[in-house]
Structure formats: C-alpha cells, structure tokens
Amino acid sequence: MNPTIESHFENLNSPDKNTQYEAYNQIIEATQQPVDWAYEVWDQLKEDLNDPDNHRRSRAAQFLAHLAISDPEKRILQDFPAIWNVTYDKKFVTARHSLQSIWRIALAGSEQKELVVNHLVDRFHACEEEKNVTLIRSDILQALRNLNDEVNEEKIKRMAMELIETVTDPKYKKKYLAIWK
C-alpha cells in the first residue's frame, strides 16, 4: 500500500478529531476511483462493521461501499449484509451515513447494482415504522438520484418516481420530488 494512504488509515485512530477527519476525507477522495490496495484493508474494515465505536462502524461501511469499485473478486456481494446491517445502527447518525453511501456499491457492476437497488426499494416500503422515516426515505431517494446521475438509467428514475407516488402526505411527496428536480 502507498505510504500516504497507509498513514491516512493510521490517522483515523489519532486522538485529534481534525486529523481523523482529514484522513477520512483523503480516503474517501482516493476511493472515488479504483485502487489497488482495497484487499489490504478489506478484512479490517469488515471487522470494524461490528466495532463498539460507532465512528469506526460508520467509516467501515462507507469505505467498503467506496471500495466496491476496486473489488474484482466481488467480495462485496458476500459482505453486503454486514454493511447493510449498519444502515440500521442504533446510533442514527451512523445508520444514516452508511445509508447515504451504500449506493456506491451499485457502481461496481450489474449484480451489485441490482442488490443495492432492491434493498433500497424494500427499505423505502418497510421503513414506515422506523423512528426517522422521512429522513430515511429522503436518503434512499437521494441515493437513487446519485446512482442515476452516475449510470443514467431511466429504470432507476422510474423506480424512484413510483416510490414517491406511494407517499400519501403531500408535504413529503413534494419534498421527495424536489430531490429529482
């Protein structure tokens, strides 16, 4: 692994929050494109999905979502349930950050895209009883929008519009439609 990237991962454990944040941003930036070091950190990130520290769980889910494009072995398909589980984290901010980045897994290929989209659609319908249903639904629709912006598939937009049509409250329907304007 490149020494700079290695130091960013080490800096995630710094006692200084600014150093941690800078390291996080550098890793996110590096993983916008495929990288050759994904498997050097993969197993540790997978372990971190269950770490007692919610920041570690959140970062692990986000980093794995970003590393999906660097996963020719398609490990993400097997590890997806553990990542998806973090979107239900007891700490809502952790759950939300994970949910907001999970769409990136869909950029890795058609199998991954189908898996992610199906989970997002199912969650949109099933989250009615969750505490922050409107935020969760907004995040799901934004995730679909982000994915559509990357892959430009009419099917994804159509699916999002169908989800929005199921919403009965006009205030939230309007809010959700604004995501797609």
C-alpha atoms as a PDB file:
ATOM      1  CA  MET A   1       0.000   0.000   0.000  1.00  0.00           C
ATOM      2  CA  ASN A   2       1.103   3.509  -0.761  1.00  0.00           C
ATOM      3  CA  PRO A   3       2.654   5.062   2.403  1.00  0.00           C
ATOM      4  CA  THR A   4       0.387   8.119   2.162  1.00  0.00           C
ATOM      5  CA  ILE A   5      -2.782   6.002   2.171  1.00  0.00           C
ATOM      6  CA  GLU A   6      -1.342   3.867   4.965  1.00  0.00           C
ATOM      7  CA  SER A   7      -0.765   6.989   7.048  1.00  0.00           C
ATOM      8  CA  HIS A   8      -4.350   8.128   6.400  1.00  0.00           C
ATOM      9  CA  PHE A   9      -5.634   4.840   7.817  1.00  0.00           C
ATOM     10  CA  GLU A  10      -3.321   5.219  10.821  1.00  0.00           C
ATOM     11  CA  ASN A  11      -4.544   8.793  11.328  1.00  0.00           C
ATOM     12  CA  LEU A  12      -8.126   7.548  11.677  1.00  0.00           C
ATOM     13  CA  ASN A  13      -7.006   6.471  15.168  1.00  0.00           C
ATOM     14  CA  SER A  14      -5.466   9.809  16.072  1.00  0.00           C
ATOM     15  CA  PRO A  15      -6.670  11.439  19.305  1.00  0.00           C
ATOM     16  CA  ASP A  16      -7.094  14.660  17.279  1.00  0.00           C
ATOM     17  CA  LYS A  17     -10.540  14.847  15.618  1.00  0.00           C
ATOM     18  CA  ASN A  18      -9.275  17.180  12.877  1.00  0.00           C
ATOM     19  CA  THR A  19      -6.562  14.692  11.935  1.00  0.00           C
ATOM     20  CA  GLN A  20      -9.154  11.911  11.844  1.00  0.00           C
ATOM     21  CA  TYR A  21     -11.474  13.996   9.677  1.00  0.00           C
ATOM     22  CA  GLU A  22      -8.705  14.907   7.246  1.00  0.00           C
ATOM     23  CA  ALA A  23      -7.689  11.231   6.982  1.00  0.00           C
ATOM     24  CA  TYR A  24     -11.307  10.225   6.371  1.00  0.00           C
ATOM     25  CA  ASN A  25     -11.653  12.819   3.600  1.00  0.00           C
ATOM     26  CA  GLN A  26      -8.399  11.732   1.963  1.00  0.00           C
ATOM     27  CA  ILE A  27      -9.506   8.078   1.926  1.00  0.00           C
ATOM     28  CA  ILE A  28     -12.926   8.990   0.513  1.00  0.00           C
ATOM     29  CA  GLU A  29     -11.209  11.079  -2.159  1.00  0.00           C
ATOM     30  CA  ALA A  30      -8.776   8.276  -3.036  1.00  0.00           C
ATOM     31  CA  THR A  31     -11.607   5.753  -3.381  1.00  0.00           C
ATOM     32  CA  GLN A  32     -13.560   7.806  -5.914  1.00  0.00           C
ATOM     33  CA  GLN A  33     -11.574   5.796  -8.460  1.00  0.00           C
ATOM     34  CA  PRO A  34     -10.483   2.135  -8.367  1.00  0.00           C
ATOM     35  CA  VAL A  35      -7.491   1.499  -6.120  1.00  0.00           C
ATOM     36  CA  ASP A  36      -5.072  -1.419  -5.955  1.00  0.00           C
ATOM     37  CA  TRP A  37      -4.970  -1.632  -2.144  1.00  0.00           C
ATOM     38  CA  ALA A  38      -8.612  -2.489  -1.408  1.00  0.00           C
ATOM     39  CA  TYR A  39      -7.921  -6.019  -0.216  1.00  0.00           C
ATOM     40  CA  GLU A  40      -5.147  -4.838   2.090  1.00  0.00           C
ATOM     41  CA  VAL A  41      -7.745  -3.083   4.256  1.00  0.00           C
ATOM     42  CA  TRP A  42     -10.878  -5.081   3.401  1.00  0.00           C
ATOM     43  CA  ASP A  43     -10.839  -7.627   6.244  1.00  0.00           C
ATOM     44  CA  GLN A  44     -10.131  -4.984   8.885  1.00  0.00           C
ATOM     45  CA  LEU A  45     -12.960  -2.821   7.573  1.00  0.00           C
ATOM     46  CA  LYS A  46     -15.259  -5.821   7.638  1.00  0.00           C
ATOM     47  CA  GLU A  47     -14.350  -6.399  11.290  1.00  0.00           C
ATOM     48  CA  ASP A  48     -14.903  -2.722  12.043  1.00  0.00           C
ATOM     49  CA  LEU A  49     -18.535  -3.009  10.914  1.00  0.00           C
ATOM     50  CA  ASN A  50     -19.171  -4.540  14.352  1.00  0.00           C
ATOM     51  CA  ASP A  51     -16.798  -2.374  16.371  1.00  0.00           C
ATOM     52  CA  PRO A  52     -18.124  -0.883  19.650  1.00  0.00           C
ATOM     53  CA  ASP A  53     -17.108   2.579  18.339  1.00  0.00           C
ATOM     54  CA  ASN A  54     -19.885   3.938  16.129  1.00  0.00           C
ATOM     55  CA  HIS A  55     -17.435   6.147  14.198  1.00  0.00           C
ATOM     56  CA  ARG A  56     -15.467   3.073  13.224  1.00  0.00           C
ATOM     57  CA  ARG A  57     -18.644   1.252  12.136  1.00  0.00           C
ATOM     58  CA  SER A  58     -19.711   4.220  10.054  1.00  0.00           C
ATOM     59  CA  ARG A  59     -16.335   4.684   8.380  1.00  0.00           C
ATOM     60  CA  ALA A  60     -16.035   0.965   7.670  1.00  0.00           C
ATOM     61  CA  ALA A  61     -19.413   0.871   5.921  1.00  0.00           C
ATOM     62  CA  GLN A  62     -18.613   3.996   3.925  1.00  0.00           C
ATOM     63  CA  PHE A  63     -15.135   2.852   2.934  1.00  0.00           C
ATOM     64  CA  LEU A  64     -16.341  -0.605   1.878  1.00  0.00           C
ATOM     65  CA  ALA A  65     -19.086   0.998  -0.205  1.00  0.00           C
ATOM     66  CA  HIS A  66     -16.468   3.146  -1.909  1.00  0.00           C
ATOM     67  CA  LEU A  67     -14.080   0.196  -2.361  1.00  0.00           C
ATOM     68  CA  ALA A  68     -16.708  -1.884  -4.177  1.00  0.00           C
ATOM     69  CA  ILE A  69     -15.415  -0.489  -7.487  1.00  0.00           C
ATOM     70  CA  SER A  70     -11.990  -1.914  -6.553  1.00  0.00           C
ATOM     71  CA  ASP A  71     -13.333  -5.419  -5.880  1.00  0.00           C
ATOM     72  CA  PRO A  72     -12.802  -7.701  -8.896  1.00  0.00           C
ATOM     73  CA  GLU A  73     -13.388 -10.764  -6.672  1.00  0.00           C
ATOM     74  CA  LYS A  74     -16.884  -9.437  -5.869  1.00  0.00           C
ATOM     75  CA  ARG A  75     -16.398  -9.901  -2.126  1.00  0.00           C
ATOM     76  CA  ILE A  76     -18.919  -7.106  -1.665  1.00  0.00           C
ATOM     77  CA  LEU A  77     -21.737  -9.470  -2.656  1.00  0.00           C
ATOM     78  CA  GLN A  78     -20.943 -11.753   0.281  1.00  0.00           C
ATOM     79  CA  ASP A  79     -20.195  -8.881   2.671  1.00  0.00           C
ATOM     80  CA  PHE A  80     -23.176  -6.733   1.704  1.00  0.00           C
ATOM     81  CA  PRO A  81     -25.462  -7.996   4.520  1.00  0.00           C
ATOM     82  CA  ALA A  82     -22.954  -6.841   7.145  1.00  0.00           C
ATOM     83  CA  ILE A  83     -22.691  -3.415   5.515  1.00  0.00           C
ATOM     84  CA  TRP A  84     -26.465  -3.154   5.101  1.00  0.00           C
ATOM     85  CA  ASN A  85     -26.871  -4.018   8.768  1.00  0.00           C
ATOM     86  CA  VAL A  86     -25.020  -0.802   9.670  1.00  0.00           C
ATOM     87  CA  THR A  87     -27.826   1.165   7.961  1.00  0.00           C
ATOM     88  CA  TYR A  88     -29.944   0.027  10.941  1.00  0.00           C
ATOM     89  CA  ASP A  89     -27.339   1.020  13.534  1.00  0.00           C
ATOM     90  CA  LYS A  90     -28.582   2.007  16.996  1.00  0.00           C
ATOM     91  CA  LYS A  91     -26.803   5.359  16.519  1.00  0.00           C
ATOM     92  CA  PHE A  92     -28.914   7.084  13.885  1.00  0.00           C
ATOM     93  CA  VAL A  93     -26.045   9.218  12.583  1.00  0.00           C
ATOM     94  CA  THR A  94     -24.046   6.040  11.924  1.00  0.00           C
ATOM     95  CA  ALA A  95     -27.003   4.400  10.216  1.00  0.00           C
ATOM     96  CA  ARG A  96     -27.622   7.483   8.128  1.00  0.00           C
ATOM     97  CA  HIS A  97     -24.021   7.915   6.957  1.00  0.00           C
ATOM     98  CA  SER A  98     -23.975   4.265   5.940  1.00  0.00           C
ATOM     99  CA  LEU A  99     -27.267   4.536   4.087  1.00  0.00           C
ATOM    100  CA  GLN A 100     -26.136   7.696   2.316  1.00  0.00           C
ATOM    101  CA  SER A 101     -23.060   5.990   0.867  1.00  0.00           C
ATOM    102  CA  ILE A 102     -24.334   2.479   0.148  1.00  0.00           C
ATOM    103  CA  TRP A 103     -25.412   3.423  -3.375  1.00  0.00           C
ATOM    104  CA  ARG A 104     -21.748   3.485  -4.385  1.00  0.00           C
ATOM    105  CA  ILE A 105     -21.691  -0.312  -4.217  1.00  0.00           C
ATOM    106  CA  ALA A 106     -24.039  -0.286  -7.228  1.00  0.00           C
ATOM    107  CA  LEU A 107     -21.277   1.272  -9.346  1.00  0.00           C
ATOM    108  CA  ALA A 108     -19.280  -1.965  -9.152  1.00  0.00           C
ATOM    109  CA  GLY A 109     -21.408  -3.922 -11.638  1.00  0.00           C
ATOM    110  CA  SER A 110     -24.854  -5.152 -12.557  1.00  0.00           C
ATOM    111  CA  GLU A 111     -25.112  -7.744  -9.767  1.00  0.00           C
ATOM    112  CA  GLN A 112     -24.116  -5.160  -7.196  1.00  0.00           C
ATOM    113  CA  LYS A 113     -26.493  -2.592  -8.673  1.00  0.00           C
ATOM    114  CA  GLU A 114     -29.436  -4.976  -8.555  1.00  0.00           C
ATOM    115  CA  LEU A 115     -28.625  -5.923  -4.964  1.00  0.00           C
ATOM    116  CA  VAL A 116     -28.388  -2.312  -3.786  1.00  0.00           C
ATOM    117  CA  VAL A 117     -31.436  -1.040  -5.661  1.00  0.00           C
ATOM    118  CA  ASN A 118     -33.594  -3.929  -4.433  1.00  0.00           C
ATOM    119  CA  HIS A 119     -32.539  -3.286  -0.841  1.00  0.00           C
ATOM    120  CA  LEU A 120     -33.191   0.444  -1.141  1.00  0.00           C
ATOM    121  CA  VAL A 121     -36.657  -0.108  -2.613  1.00  0.00           C
ATOM    122  CA  ASP A 122     -37.537  -2.698   0.030  1.00  0.00           C
ATOM    123  CA  ARG A 123     -36.317  -0.393   2.795  1.00  0.00           C
ATOM    124  CA  PHE A 124     -38.371   2.505   1.432  1.00  0.00           C
ATOM    125  CA  HIS A 125     -41.508   0.390   1.810  1.00  0.00           C
ATOM    126  CA  ALA A 126     -40.527  -1.248   5.106  1.00  0.00           C
ATOM    127  CA  CYS A 127     -39.259   1.807   6.991  1.00  0.00           C
ATOM    128  CA  GLU A 128     -42.746   3.116   7.764  1.00  0.00           C
ATOM    129  CA  GLU A 129     -42.392   2.044  11.395  1.00  0.00           C
ATOM    130  CA  GLU A 130     -38.858   3.354  11.872  1.00  0.00           C
ATOM    131  CA  LYS A 131     -38.304   6.422  14.016  1.00  0.00           C
ATOM    132  CA  ASN A 132     -36.940   8.729  11.295  1.00  0.00           C
ATOM    133  CA  VAL A 133     -38.946   7.517   8.318  1.00  0.00           C
ATOM    134  CA  THR A 134     -38.869  10.800   6.393  1.00  0.00           C
ATOM    135  CA  LEU A 135     -35.088  11.148   6.660  1.00  0.00           C
ATOM    136  CA  ILE A 136     -34.574   7.513   5.720  1.00  0.00           C
ATOM    137  CA  ARG A 137     -36.829   7.893   2.699  1.00  0.00           C
ATOM    138  CA  SER A 138     -35.065  11.103   1.687  1.00  0.00           C
ATOM    139  CA  ASP A 139     -31.710   9.347   1.928  1.00  0.00           C
ATOM    140  CA  ILE A 140     -32.979   6.418  -0.144  1.00  0.00           C
ATOM    141  CA  LEU A 141     -34.334   8.712  -2.848  1.00  0.00           C
ATOM    142  CA  GLN A 142     -31.111  10.743  -2.810  1.00  0.00           C
ATOM    143  CA  ALA A 143     -29.113   7.510  -3.112  1.00  0.00           C
ATOM    144  CA  LEU A 144     -31.175   6.513  -6.134  1.00  0.00           C
ATOM    145  CA  ARG A 145     -30.690  10.002  -7.575  1.00  0.00           C
ATOM    146  CA  ASN A 146     -26.914   9.795  -7.047  1.00  0.00           C
ATOM    147  CA  LEU A 147     -26.836   6.393  -8.723  1.00  0.00           C
ATOM    148  CA  ASN A 148     -28.954   7.617 -11.619  1.00  0.00           C
ATOM    149  CA  ASP A 149     -26.657  10.621 -12.073  1.00  0.00           C
ATOM    150  CA  GLU A 150     -23.732   8.195 -12.442  1.00  0.00           C
ATOM    151  CA  VAL A 151     -25.298   5.480 -14.619  1.00  0.00           C
ATOM    152  CA  ASN A 152     -28.146   7.411 -16.286  1.00  0.00           C
ATOM    153  CA  GLU A 153     -30.732   4.618 -16.375  1.00  0.00           C
ATOM    154  CA  GLU A 154     -34.349   5.576 -16.917  1.00  0.00           C
ATOM    155  CA  LYS A 155     -35.364   2.479 -14.941  1.00  0.00           C
ATOM    156  CA  ILE A 156     -33.873   3.927 -11.749  1.00  0.00           C
ATOM    157  CA  LYS A 157     -35.662   7.245 -12.156  1.00  0.00           C
ATOM    158  CA  ARG A 158     -38.930   5.470 -12.906  1.00  0.00           C
ATOM    159  CA  MET A 159     -38.489   3.326  -9.793  1.00  0.00           C
ATOM    160  CA  ALA A 160     -37.889   6.417  -7.655  1.00  0.00           C
ATOM    161  CA  MET A 161     -40.999   8.109  -9.065  1.00  0.00           C
ATOM    162  CA  GLU A 162     -43.038   5.002  -8.275  1.00  0.00           C
ATOM    163  CA  LEU A 163     -41.755   5.094  -4.700  1.00  0.00           C
ATOM    164  CA  ILE A 164     -42.676   8.752  -4.365  1.00  0.00           C
ATOM    165  CA  GLU A 165     -46.176   8.013  -5.678  1.00  0.00           C
ATOM    166  CA  THR A 166     -46.751   5.664  -2.734  1.00  0.00           C
ATOM    167  CA  VAL A 167     -46.318   8.555  -0.293  1.00  0.00           C
ATOM    168  CA  THR A 168     -49.691   9.891   0.853  1.00  0.00           C
ATOM    169  CA  ASP A 169     -48.593  13.037   2.704  1.00  0.00           C
ATOM    170  CA  PRO A 170     -48.445  15.886   0.117  1.00  0.00           C
ATOM    171  CA  LYS A 171     -45.782  17.771   2.119  1.00  0.00           C
ATOM    172  CA  TYR A 172     -43.350  14.847   1.991  1.00  0.00           C
ATOM    173  CA  LYS A 173     -44.266  13.907  -1.556  1.00  0.00           C
ATOM    174  CA  LYS A 174     -43.286  17.442  -2.616  1.00  0.00           C
ATOM    175  CA  LYS A 175     -40.042  17.221  -0.620  1.00  0.00           C
ATOM    176  CA  TYR A 176     -39.167  13.873  -2.206  1.00  0.00           C
ATOM    177  CA  LEU A 177     -39.975  15.107  -5.717  1.00  0.00           C
ATOM    178  CA  ALA A 178     -37.599  18.024  -5.165  1.00  0.00           C
ATOM    179  CA  ILE A 179     -34.730  15.532  -4.899  1.00  0.00           C
ATOM    180  CA  TRP A 180     -35.415  14.548  -8.504  1.00  0.00           C
ATOM    181  CA  LYS A 181     -35.851  18.038  -9.993  1.00  0.00           C
END
